Amino acid sequence: MAMTWQKLSSFPEKKIIGAYGIEFWAIREGKVWHQGRKLALADAATFEVFANQQFIARDALCIYHAWSRLPQIDRDSFQKDGMYWKDNNSVYFEYETSLKMLQGSDAKSFRYIGGDYGADEKTAWHFGRKMKNCTLSRELRVIQANQLYASDGEKIYFDGKPLSNVNAARWRILNDFFSCDDKHVYYAERKLPRVDIQSWQHIYETWSKDKNHVFYMNIIEKGASPDHFDKAQAESRYKGR
């Protein structure tokens, strides 16, 4: 992905104003400021922000995240790769308040595969966290129909978590949050208990039923009869929660 850096000095009044009038970056009296704090070591003449970013920036020598100067990152090879960042040495992920190196990551083999997923030769990652259950990181692929899901050929993952006892060869997506294989129905990564897959049907939002039970997400709804449970009842219960 081509990098898009723009000098802070080229912005109107040498500043970047975000939502609610927040001044994210500014040059004042020859110094760089971020949200009211001066970056004492930043070089204003060469200071650049990435794609009008609120937090990622660099000068001639160093990468910055907000107020943090990050000399451990190789400035010249630093680049964005989907949800992730990398340089020649490591892979990084931008959390809410920081840009952190993914311990044990291999930048040379790392690939962003879609959604919040990435993988290198030995490790799979989801939203910057190791997917400890994934041992086939080189095979990991995102499911294009719904990028909350991914598969390594043996396991299926939802939001980075494995679906228990899933038959990956027979698995398919039913709608946004429900999926199934030949024996089980899943809400997100959780199995619906004692489900009769032949009679199972989605009713409304997170509600479904089979011939024996009504389910709210992956939980059997006590006191609800599937015989007459319909969308209207599901809507009523949904609003009451």
C-alpha atoms as a PDB file:
ATOM      1  CA  MET A   1       0.000   0.000   0.000  1.00  0.00           C
ATOM      2  CA  ALA A   2       1.441   3.381  -1.005  1.00  0.00           C
ATOM      3  CA  MET A   3       2.212   5.660   1.880  1.00  0.00           C
ATOM      4  CA  THR A   4       0.456   9.011   2.114  1.00  0.00           C
ATOM      5  CA  TRP A   5       2.396  11.480   4.213  1.00  0.00           C
ATOM      6  CA  GLN A   6       1.685  15.204   4.262  1.00  0.00           C
ATOM      7  CA  LYS A   7       3.727  17.897   5.887  1.00  0.00           C
ATOM      8  CA  LEU A   8       1.998  19.450   8.856  1.00  0.00           C
ATOM      9  CA  SER A   9       3.210  22.866   7.716  1.00  0.00           C
ATOM     10  CA  SER A  10       1.127  22.504   4.504  1.00  0.00           C
ATOM     11  CA  PHE A  11      -2.199  22.368   6.356  1.00  0.00           C
ATOM     12  CA  PRO A  12      -4.240  25.561   6.816  1.00  0.00           C
ATOM     13  CA  GLU A  13      -2.802  27.505   9.761  1.00  0.00           C
ATOM     14  CA  LYS A  14      -0.325  24.615  10.207  1.00  0.00           C
ATOM     15  CA  LYS A  15      -2.817  22.591  12.214  1.00  0.00           C
ATOM     16  CA  ILE A  16      -5.221  19.634  11.985  1.00  0.00           C
ATOM     17  CA  ILE A  17      -8.584  20.089  13.666  1.00  0.00           C
ATOM     18  CA  GLY A  18     -10.708  17.003  14.256  1.00  0.00           C
ATOM     19  CA  ALA A  19     -14.240  16.367  15.470  1.00  0.00           C
ATOM     20  CA  TYR A  20     -15.593  18.650  18.203  1.00  0.00           C
ATOM     21  CA  GLY A  21     -12.886  21.182  17.440  1.00  0.00           C
ATOM     22  CA  ILE A  22     -10.058  19.080  18.873  1.00  0.00           C
ATOM     23  CA  GLU A  23      -6.673  20.348  17.730  1.00  0.00           C
ATOM     24  CA  PHE A  24      -4.772  17.120  17.073  1.00  0.00           C
ATOM     25  CA  TRP A  25      -1.644  18.541  15.474  1.00  0.00           C
ATOM     26  CA  ALA A  26      -0.261  22.052  15.240  1.00  0.00           C
ATOM     27  CA  ILE A  27       2.961  23.967  14.684  1.00  0.00           C
ATOM     28  CA  ARG A  28       3.286  26.967  16.967  1.00  0.00           C
ATOM     29  CA  GLU A  29       6.395  29.098  17.414  1.00  0.00           C
ATOM     30  CA  GLY A  30       8.464  26.534  15.504  1.00  0.00           C
ATOM     31  CA  LYS A  31       7.403  23.572  17.690  1.00  0.00           C
ATOM     32  CA  VAL A  32       5.068  20.626  17.101  1.00  0.00           C
ATOM     33  CA  TRP A  33       2.098  20.190  19.428  1.00  0.00           C
ATOM     34  CA  HIS A  34      -0.366  17.332  19.850  1.00  0.00           C
ATOM     35  CA  GLN A  35      -3.609  18.008  21.723  1.00  0.00           C
ATOM     36  CA  GLY A  36      -2.059  20.826  23.695  1.00  0.00           C
ATOM     37  CA  ARG A  37       1.231  19.102  24.532  1.00  0.00           C
ATOM     38  CA  LYS A  38       4.535  20.103  23.001  1.00  0.00           C
ATOM     39  CA  LEU A  39       6.687  17.445  21.335  1.00  0.00           C
ATOM     40  CA  ALA A  40      10.026  18.815  22.474  1.00  0.00           C
ATOM     41  CA  LEU A  41      12.190  16.639  20.195  1.00  0.00           C
ATOM     42  CA  ALA A  42      10.060  16.762  17.031  1.00  0.00           C
ATOM     43  CA  ASP A  43      11.439  18.649  14.039  1.00  0.00           C
ATOM     44  CA  ALA A  44       8.674  20.964  12.826  1.00  0.00           C
ATOM     45  CA  ALA A  45      10.326  21.593   9.447  1.00  0.00           C
ATOM     46  CA  THR A  46      10.145  17.905   8.433  1.00  0.00           C
ATOM     47  CA  PHE A  47       7.147  16.835  10.500  1.00  0.00           C
ATOM     48  CA  GLU A  48       4.512  14.865   8.537  1.00  0.00           C
ATOM     49  CA  VAL A  49       1.231  13.173   9.405  1.00  0.00           C
ATOM     50  CA  PHE A  50      -0.044  10.002   7.772  1.00  0.00           C
ATOM     51  CA  ALA A  51      -3.170  10.449   5.611  1.00  0.00           C
ATOM     52  CA  ASN A  52      -4.527  13.242   7.797  1.00  0.00           C
ATOM     53  CA  GLN A  53      -4.120  10.876  10.772  1.00  0.00           C
ATOM     54  CA  GLN A  54      -4.950  11.985  14.281  1.00  0.00           C
ATOM     55  CA  PHE A  55      -2.098  10.041  15.891  1.00  0.00           C
ATOM     56  CA  ILE A  56       0.478   8.625  13.427  1.00  0.00           C
ATOM     57  CA  ALA A  57       3.235  10.995  12.307  1.00  0.00           C
ATOM     58  CA  ARG A  58       6.966  11.250  11.628  1.00  0.00           C
ATOM     59  CA  ASP A  59       9.801  13.703  11.219  1.00  0.00           C
ATOM     60  CA  ALA A  60      13.144  13.219   9.453  1.00  0.00           C
ATOM     61  CA  LEU A  61      14.389  10.878  12.166  1.00  0.00           C
ATOM     62  CA  CYS A  62      11.530   9.199  13.988  1.00  0.00           C
ATOM     63  CA  ILE A  63       7.971   7.839  14.057  1.00  0.00           C
ATOM     64  CA  TYR A  64       5.508   9.360  16.534  1.00  0.00           C
ATOM     65  CA  HIS A  65       2.241   8.161  17.982  1.00  0.00           C
ATOM     66  CA  ALA A  66       0.475  11.105  19.572  1.00  0.00           C
ATOM     67  CA  TRP A  67       2.981  12.370  22.181  1.00  0.00           C
ATOM     68  CA  SER A  68       5.141   9.258  22.074  1.00  0.00           C
ATOM     69  CA  ARG A  69       8.419   9.318  20.169  1.00  0.00           C
ATOM     70  CA  LEU A  70       9.162   5.781  18.922  1.00  0.00           C
ATOM     71  CA  PRO A  71      12.861   5.469  17.990  1.00  0.00           C
ATOM     72  CA  GLN A  72      12.640   1.647  18.061  1.00  0.00           C
ATOM     73  CA  ILE A  73      10.574   1.741  14.850  1.00  0.00           C
ATOM     74  CA  ASP A  74      12.545   1.906  11.613  1.00  0.00           C
ATOM     75  CA  ARG A  75      11.318   5.199  10.235  1.00  0.00           C
ATOM     76  CA  ASP A  76      12.189   4.638   6.561  1.00  0.00           C
ATOM     77  CA  SER A  77      10.543   1.201   6.176  1.00  0.00           C
ATOM     78  CA  PHE A  78       7.498   1.948   8.350  1.00  0.00           C
ATOM     79  CA  GLN A  79       4.269   1.384   6.409  1.00  0.00           C
ATOM     80  CA  LYS A  80       0.596   0.604   6.827  1.00  0.00           C
ATOM     81  CA  ASP A  81      -0.705  -2.873   5.951  1.00  0.00           C
ATOM     82  CA  GLY A  82      -4.480  -3.000   6.316  1.00  0.00           C
ATOM     83  CA  MET A  83      -5.342  -2.802  10.016  1.00  0.00           C
ATOM     84  CA  TYR A  84      -1.657  -3.235  10.889  1.00  0.00           C
ATOM     85  CA  TRP A  85       1.639  -1.380  10.566  1.00  0.00           C
ATOM     86  CA  LYS A  86       5.093  -2.813   9.972  1.00  0.00           C
ATOM     87  CA  ASP A  87       8.727  -1.929   9.388  1.00  0.00           C
ATOM     88  CA  ASN A  88      11.610  -4.171   8.316  1.00  0.00           C
ATOM     89  CA  ASN A  89      11.813  -5.738  11.752  1.00  0.00           C
ATOM     90  CA  SER A  90       8.377  -6.049  13.359  1.00  0.00           C
ATOM     91  CA  VAL A  91       4.617  -5.735  13.017  1.00  0.00           C
ATOM     92  CA  TYR A  92       2.671  -3.147  15.032  1.00  0.00           C
ATOM     93  CA  PHE A  93      -0.951  -2.541  15.938  1.00  0.00           C
ATOM     94  CA  GLU A  94      -2.575   0.722  16.906  1.00  0.00           C
ATOM     95  CA  TYR A  95      -4.600   0.247  20.058  1.00  0.00           C
ATOM     96  CA  GLU A  96      -6.828   2.985  21.441  1.00  0.00           C
ATOM     97  CA  THR A  97      -4.010   4.937  23.069  1.00  0.00           C
ATOM     98  CA  SER A  98      -0.793   3.411  21.737  1.00  0.00           C
ATOM     99  CA  LEU A  99       1.084   1.852  18.840  1.00  0.00           C
ATOM    100  CA  LYS A 100       2.657  -1.386  20.058  1.00  0.00           C
ATOM    101  CA  MET A 101       4.896  -4.029  18.576  1.00  0.00           C
ATOM    102  CA  LEU A 102       3.347  -7.496  18.256  1.00  0.00           C
ATOM    103  CA  GLN A 103       5.759  -9.653  20.232  1.00  0.00           C
ATOM    104  CA  GLY A 104       7.085 -12.532  18.168  1.00  0.00           C
ATOM    105  CA  SER A 105       5.740 -11.187  14.878  1.00  0.00           C
ATOM    106  CA  ASP A 106       7.667 -11.727  11.654  1.00  0.00           C
ATOM    107  CA  ALA A 107       7.483  -8.668   9.415  1.00  0.00           C
ATOM    108  CA  LYS A 108       8.939 -10.435   6.376  1.00  0.00           C
ATOM    109  CA  SER A 109       6.200 -13.068   6.194  1.00  0.00           C
ATOM    110  CA  PHE A 110       3.352 -11.014   7.662  1.00  0.00           C
ATOM    111  CA  ARG A 111       0.274 -10.496   5.494  1.00  0.00           C
ATOM    112  CA  TYR A 112      -2.941  -8.656   6.174  1.00  0.00           C
ATOM    113  CA  ILE A 113      -5.794 -10.936   5.113  1.00  0.00           C
ATOM    114  CA  GLY A 114      -8.871  -8.776   5.725  1.00  0.00           C
ATOM    115  CA  GLY A 115     -11.171  -7.704   8.544  1.00  0.00           C
ATOM    116  CA  ASP A 116      -9.109  -7.549  11.732  1.00  0.00           C
ATOM    117  CA  TYR A 117      -7.003 -10.580  10.752  1.00  0.00           C
ATOM    118  CA  GLY A 118      -3.330 -10.882   9.898  1.00  0.00           C
ATOM    119  CA  ALA A 119      -0.846 -13.753   9.872  1.00  0.00           C
ATOM    120  CA  ASP A 120       2.828 -14.532   9.520  1.00  0.00           C
ATOM    121  CA  GLU A 121       4.698 -17.840   9.149  1.00  0.00           C
ATOM    122  CA  LYS A 122       4.097 -18.940  12.739  1.00  0.00           C
ATOM    123  CA  THR A 123       1.318 -16.835  14.254  1.00  0.00           C
ATOM    124  CA  ALA A 124      -2.171 -15.635  13.401  1.00  0.00           C
ATOM    125  CA  TRP A 125      -3.402 -12.314  14.753  1.00  0.00           C
ATOM    126  CA  HIS A 126      -6.813 -10.778  15.313  1.00  0.00           C
ATOM    127  CA  PHE A 127      -7.119  -7.136  16.286  1.00  0.00           C
ATOM    128  CA  GLY A 128      -3.522  -7.191  17.454  1.00  0.00           C
ATOM    129  CA  ARG A 129      -3.925 -10.295  19.629  1.00  0.00           C
ATOM    130  CA  LYS A 130      -2.427 -13.738  19.082  1.00  0.00           C
ATOM    131  CA  MET A 131      -4.897 -16.412  17.987  1.00  0.00           C
ATOM    132  CA  LYS A 132      -3.495 -19.132  20.215  1.00  0.00           C
ATOM    133  CA  ASN A 133      -5.823 -21.780  18.804  1.00  0.00           C
ATOM    134  CA  CYS A 134      -4.629 -21.251  15.241  1.00  0.00           C
ATOM    135  CA  THR A 135      -1.684 -23.531  14.406  1.00  0.00           C
ATOM    136  CA  LEU A 136      -2.002 -23.146  10.628  1.00  0.00           C
ATOM    137  CA  SER A 137      -1.358 -19.432  10.294  1.00  0.00           C
ATOM    138  CA  ARG A 138      -0.014 -19.769   6.750  1.00  0.00           C
ATOM    139  CA  GLU A 139      -3.389 -21.191   5.670  1.00  0.00           C
ATOM    140  CA  LEU A 140      -5.559 -18.602   7.396  1.00  0.00           C
ATOM    141  CA  ARG A 141      -7.992 -16.828   5.077  1.00  0.00           C
ATOM    142  CA  VAL A 142     -10.774 -14.382   5.836  1.00  0.00           C
ATOM    143  CA  ILE A 143     -14.308 -15.303   4.752  1.00  0.00           C
ATOM    144  CA  GLN A 144     -15.168 -12.610   2.213  1.00  0.00           C
ATOM    145  CA  ALA A 145     -18.938 -12.904   2.744  1.00  0.00           C
ATOM    146  CA  ASN A 146     -18.463 -11.827   6.375  1.00  0.00           C
ATOM    147  CA  GLN A 147     -15.010 -10.743   7.461  1.00  0.00           C
ATOM    148  CA  LEU A 148     -15.722 -11.440  11.120  1.00  0.00           C
ATOM    149  CA  TYR A 149     -15.060 -15.061  10.113  1.00  0.00           C
ATOM    150  CA  ALA A 150     -11.823 -16.704   9.016  1.00  0.00           C
ATOM    151  CA  SER A 151     -10.708 -20.266   8.300  1.00  0.00           C
ATOM    152  CA  ASP A 152      -7.393 -22.112   8.246  1.00  0.00           C
ATOM    153  CA  GLY A 153      -8.923 -25.174   6.593  1.00  0.00           C
ATOM    154  CA  GLU A 154      -9.292 -27.091   9.853  1.00  0.00           C
ATOM    155  CA  LYS A 155     -10.948 -24.535  12.118  1.00  0.00           C
ATOM    156  CA  ILE A 156     -13.402 -21.686  11.701  1.00  0.00           C
ATOM    157  CA  TYR A 157     -12.959 -18.479  13.698  1.00  0.00           C
ATOM    158  CA  PHE A 158     -15.410 -15.743  14.604  1.00  0.00           C
ATOM    159  CA  ASP A 159     -13.916 -12.490  15.842  1.00  0.00           C
ATOM    160  CA  GLY A 160     -10.668 -14.403  16.332  1.00  0.00           C
ATOM    161  CA  LYS A 161     -12.248 -17.142  18.483  1.00  0.00           C
ATOM    162  CA  PRO A 162     -12.621 -20.767  17.292  1.00  0.00           C
ATOM    163  CA  LEU A 163     -16.015 -22.413  16.793  1.00  0.00           C
ATOM    164  CA  SER A 164     -15.933 -25.519  18.974  1.00  0.00           C
ATOM    165  CA  ASN A 165     -16.043 -28.951  17.296  1.00  0.00           C
ATOM    166  CA  VAL A 166     -16.834 -27.434  13.925  1.00  0.00           C
ATOM    167  CA  ASN A 167     -16.632 -29.458  10.732  1.00  0.00           C
ATOM    168  CA  ALA A 168     -14.885 -26.851   8.593  1.00  0.00           C
ATOM    169  CA  ALA A 169     -15.602 -28.715   5.353  1.00  0.00           C
ATOM    170  CA  ARG A 170     -19.361 -28.603   5.990  1.00  0.00           C
ATOM    171  CA  TRP A 171     -19.555 -25.189   7.632  1.00  0.00           C
ATOM    172  CA  ARG A 172     -21.474 -22.277   6.103  1.00  0.00           C
ATOM    173  CA  ILE A 173     -22.768 -18.835   7.065  1.00  0.00           C
ATOM    174  CA  LEU A 174     -26.520 -18.551   7.651  1.00  0.00           C
ATOM    175  CA  ASN A 175     -26.713 -14.792   8.320  1.00  0.00           C
ATOM    176  CA  ASP A 176     -24.706 -12.085  10.081  1.00  0.00           C
ATOM    177  CA  PHE A 177     -24.195 -13.947  13.368  1.00  0.00           C
ATOM    178  CA  PHE A 178     -25.489 -17.475  12.785  1.00  0.00           C
ATOM    179  CA  SER A 179     -23.644 -20.266  10.994  1.00  0.00           C
ATOM    180  CA  CYS A 180     -23.741 -24.061  10.941  1.00  0.00           C
ATOM    181  CA  ASP A 181     -22.029 -27.255   9.912  1.00  0.00           C
ATOM    182  CA  ASP A 182     -23.729 -30.636   9.425  1.00  0.00           C
ATOM    183  CA  LYS A 183     -24.402 -31.106  13.166  1.00  0.00           C
ATOM    184  CA  HIS A 184     -24.323 -27.766  14.954  1.00  0.00           C
ATOM    185  CA  VAL A 185     -25.718 -24.251  14.752  1.00  0.00           C
ATOM    186  CA  TYR A 186     -23.531 -21.443  16.066  1.00  0.00           C
ATOM    187  CA  TYR A 187     -24.267 -17.959  17.310  1.00  0.00           C
ATOM    188  CA  ALA A 188     -20.974 -16.116  16.776  1.00  0.00           C
ATOM    189  CA  GLU A 189     -18.420 -18.663  18.067  1.00  0.00           C
ATOM    190  CA  ARG A 190     -20.838 -20.386  20.483  1.00  0.00           C
ATOM    191  CA  LYS A 191     -22.797 -23.556  19.830  1.00  0.00           C
ATOM    192  CA  LEU A 192     -26.547 -23.619  20.391  1.00  0.00           C
ATOM    193  CA  PRO A 193     -27.154 -26.405  22.941  1.00  0.00           C
ATOM    194  CA  ARG A 194     -29.254 -29.453  22.053  1.00  0.00           C
ATOM    195  CA  VAL A 195     -30.270 -27.898  18.757  1.00  0.00           C
ATOM    196  CA  ASP A 196     -32.184 -29.881  16.153  1.00  0.00           C
ATOM    197  CA  ILE A 197     -30.461 -28.641  13.035  1.00  0.00           C
ATOM    198  CA  GLN A 198     -33.130 -29.943  10.664  1.00  0.00           C
ATOM    199  CA  SER A 199     -35.890 -27.834  12.215  1.00  0.00           C
ATOM    200  CA  TRP A 200     -33.804 -24.820  13.269  1.00  0.00           C
ATOM    201  CA  GLN A 201     -34.834 -21.448  11.877  1.00  0.00           C
ATOM    202  CA  HIS A 202     -33.864 -17.847  12.444  1.00  0.00           C
ATOM    203  CA  ILE A 203     -36.729 -15.706  13.772  1.00  0.00           C
ATOM    204  CA  TYR A 204     -35.512 -12.166  14.449  1.00  0.00           C
ATOM    205  CA  GLU A 205     -32.203 -10.487  15.316  1.00  0.00           C
ATOM    206  CA  THR A 206     -30.544 -12.828  17.869  1.00  0.00           C
ATOM    207  CA  TRP A 207     -33.625 -15.065  18.240  1.00  0.00           C
ATOM    208  CA  SER A 208     -34.085 -18.489  16.664  1.00  0.00           C
ATOM    209  CA  LYS A 209     -35.866 -21.761  17.360  1.00  0.00           C
ATOM    210  CA  ASP A 210     -36.076 -25.436  16.500  1.00  0.00           C
ATOM    211  CA  LYS A 211     -38.913 -27.883  17.124  1.00  0.00           C
ATOM    212  CA  ASN A 212     -37.940 -28.204  20.790  1.00  0.00           C
ATOM    213  CA  HIS A 213     -36.530 -24.886  21.979  1.00  0.00           C
ATOM    214  CA  VAL A 214     -36.451 -21.133  21.547  1.00  0.00           C
ATOM    215  CA  PHE A 215     -32.943 -19.645  21.587  1.00  0.00           C
ATOM    216  CA  TYR A 216     -31.736 -16.182  22.532  1.00  0.00           C
ATOM    217  CA  MET A 217     -28.255 -15.981  21.023  1.00  0.00           C
ATOM    218  CA  ASN A 218     -26.853 -19.378  22.103  1.00  0.00           C
ATOM    219  CA  ILE A 219     -29.027 -19.751  25.222  1.00  0.00           C
ATOM    220  CA  ILE A 220     -32.254 -21.721  25.550  1.00  0.00           C
ATOM    221  CA  GLU A 221     -35.004 -19.271  26.471  1.00  0.00           C
ATOM    222  CA  LYS A 222     -36.810 -20.690  29.484  1.00  0.00           C
ATOM    223  CA  GLY A 223     -40.578 -20.615  29.414  1.00  0.00           C
ATOM    224  CA  ALA A 224     -40.809 -20.008  25.660  1.00  0.00           C
ATOM    225  CA  SER A 225     -42.611 -22.522  23.476  1.00  0.00           C
ATOM    226  CA  PRO A 226     -41.379 -22.890  19.908  1.00  0.00           C
ATOM    227  CA  ASP A 227     -44.860 -23.857  18.684  1.00  0.00           C
ATOM    228  CA  HIS A 228     -46.130 -20.308  18.392  1.00  0.00           C
ATOM    229  CA  PHE A 229     -42.957 -18.277  18.821  1.00  0.00           C
ATOM    230  CA  ASP A 230     -42.764 -15.799  15.949  1.00  0.00           C
ATOM    231  CA  LYS A 231     -41.152 -12.507  14.978  1.00  0.00           C
ATOM    232  CA  ALA A 232     -43.676 -10.426  16.941  1.00  0.00           C
ATOM    233  CA  GLN A 233     -42.894 -12.298  20.166  1.00  0.00           C
ATOM    234  CA  ALA A 234     -39.172 -12.083  19.465  1.00  0.00           C
ATOM    235  CA  GLU A 235     -39.413  -8.329  18.882  1.00  0.00           C
ATOM    236  CA  SER A 236     -41.319  -7.906  22.137  1.00  0.00           C
ATOM    237  CA  ARG A 237     -38.774  -9.869  24.135  1.00  0.00           C
ATOM    238  CA  TYR A 238     -35.885  -8.156  22.371  1.00  0.00           C
ATOM    239  CA  LYS A 239     -37.181  -4.692  23.301  1.00  0.00           C
ATOM    240  CA  GLY A 240     -37.780  -5.813  26.863  1.00  0.00           C
ATOM    241  CA  ARG A 241     -34.150  -6.798  27.450  1.00  0.00           C
END
